[in-house]
């Protein structure tokens, strides 16, 4: 069973690699199409980002995880009682510590 799964995985990866080679024969799309506001792209789509964007990403993930877990939590509160409220506030405190760390490091300064 494991050998069959490994064989299927390798066959799938080989098929994806073959399709990628067939699709890569045309012109480079980033050099021929307009970008966003109609202007030609100033840099390649796979270029590196400045390191400051990683801290902004972490702040976004903190707020995003908060929302992902708070919506289902509202359905569980009536069944679980006060223990679920305590757990949610502990979770929010953990996320808040991450946001405060990012604030201290200057991730929320835009200039």
Protein backbone atom coordinates (compact mmCIF):
# COMPACT_ATOMS: atom_id res chain seq x y z
CA UNK A 1 0.00 0.00 0.00
CA UNK A 2 2.79 2.43 0.90
CA UNK A 3 4.74 1.54 -2.25
CA UNK A 4 1.66 2.17 -4.39
CA UNK A 5 1.14 5.56 -2.74
CA UNK A 6 4.79 6.48 -3.28
CA UNK A 7 4.57 5.37 -6.93
CA UNK A 8 1.40 7.41 -7.44
CA UNK A 9 3.05 10.44 -5.87
CA UNK A 10 6.13 10.13 -8.07
CA UNK A 11 3.97 9.67 -11.18
CA UNK A 12 1.98 12.78 -10.27
CA UNK A 13 5.13 14.82 -9.71
CA UNK A 14 6.54 13.63 -13.02
CA UNK A 15 3.32 14.59 -14.79
CA UNK A 16 3.35 18.05 -13.23
CA UNK A 17 7.01 18.53 -14.22
CA UNK A 18 6.23 17.44 -17.81
CA UNK A 19 3.30 19.86 -18.03
CA UNK A 20 5.47 22.68 -16.69
CA UNK A 21 8.09 22.03 -19.37
CA UNK A 22 5.43 22.03 -22.10
CA UNK A 23 3.89 25.27 -20.84
CA UNK A 24 7.22 27.13 -20.60
CA UNK A 25 7.87 27.40 -24.36
CA UNK A 26 6.15 30.78 -24.91
CA UNK A 27 7.28 34.33 -24.10
CA UNK A 28 7.73 35.45 -20.52
CA UNK A 29 4.36 36.76 -19.35
CA UNK A 30 5.76 39.37 -16.95
CA UNK A 31 7.51 41.12 -19.83
CA UNK A 32 4.58 41.18 -22.23
CA UNK A 33 1.49 42.01 -20.14
CA UNK A 34 0.57 45.17 -18.22
CA UNK A 35 0.70 44.97 -14.46
CA UNK A 36 -1.84 46.26 -11.91
CA UNK A 37 -2.57 49.83 -13.04
CA UNK A 38 -1.65 49.16 -16.66
CA UNK A 39 2.03 50.00 -16.25
CA UNK A 40 4.72 47.52 -17.18
CA UNK A 41 6.15 45.66 -14.18
CA UNK A 42 9.18 47.27 -12.58
CA UNK A 43 10.55 44.00 -11.21
CA UNK A 44 10.02 40.29 -11.61
CA UNK A 45 7.21 38.67 -9.64
CA UNK A 46 9.66 36.33 -7.88
CA UNK A 47 11.99 39.09 -6.69
CA UNK A 48 12.92 39.33 -3.03
CA UNK A 49 11.02 41.47 -0.58
CA UNK A 50 12.56 43.78 1.98
CA UNK A 51 12.91 42.18 5.40
CA UNK A 52 10.49 44.71 6.98
CA UNK A 53 7.57 43.05 5.18
CA UNK A 54 8.08 39.85 7.16
CA UNK A 55 7.19 41.61 10.41
CA UNK A 56 4.13 43.15 8.73
CA UNK A 57 3.17 39.64 7.63
CA UNK A 58 3.46 38.37 11.20
CA UNK A 59 1.17 41.14 12.45
CA UNK A 60 -1.35 40.29 9.72
CA UNK A 61 -1.22 36.62 10.66
CA UNK A 62 -1.83 37.48 14.31
CA UNK A 63 -5.01 39.35 13.43
CA UNK A 64 -5.99 36.74 10.86
CA UNK A 65 -5.64 33.86 13.32
CA UNK A 66 -7.67 35.81 15.83
CA UNK A 67 -10.60 36.03 13.43
CA UNK A 68 -10.30 32.44 12.24
CA UNK A 69 -10.63 31.12 15.79
CA UNK A 70 -13.15 33.65 17.12
CA UNK A 71 -15.95 32.89 14.65
CA UNK A 72 -16.30 29.18 15.56
CA UNK A 73 -15.66 30.06 19.20
CA UNK A 74 -18.95 31.98 19.32
CA UNK A 75 -20.78 28.73 18.61
CA UNK A 76 -18.93 26.79 21.31
CA UNK A 77 -19.35 29.29 24.17
CA UNK A 78 -22.93 28.26 25.13
CA UNK A 79 -21.96 24.57 25.26
CA UNK A 80 -18.61 24.89 27.03
CA UNK A 81 -19.33 27.69 29.48
CA UNK A 82 -16.80 29.89 31.19
CA UNK A 83 -13.82 27.64 30.44
CA UNK A 84 -14.08 28.52 26.74
CA UNK A 85 -14.18 32.23 27.61
CA UNK A 86 -11.02 31.88 29.73
CA UNK A 87 -9.27 29.95 26.97
CA UNK A 88 -10.19 32.57 24.37
CA UNK A 89 -8.84 35.38 26.52
CA UNK A 90 -5.60 33.45 27.01
CA UNK A 91 -5.37 32.99 23.25
CA UNK A 92 -6.02 36.69 22.70
CA UNK A 93 -3.36 37.56 25.28
CA UNK A 94 -0.86 35.41 23.38
CA UNK A 95 -1.71 37.17 20.12
CA UNK A 96 -1.56 40.55 21.83
CA UNK A 97 1.94 39.79 23.07
CA UNK A 98 2.97 39.16 19.45
CA UNK A 99 1.42 42.43 18.31
CA UNK A 100 3.09 44.33 21.16
CA UNK A 101 6.43 42.79 20.22
CA UNK A 102 5.94 43.86 16.61
CA UNK A 103 4.98 47.35 17.78
CA UNK A 104 8.10 47.54 19.93
CA UNK A 105 10.24 46.42 16.98
CA UNK A 106 8.70 49.14 14.78
CA UNK A 107 6.67 46.97 12.43
CA UNK A 108 3.67 49.30 12.73
CA UNK A 109 5.64 52.42 11.70
CA UNK A 110 5.01 53.13 8.03
CA UNK A 111 7.59 55.85 7.47
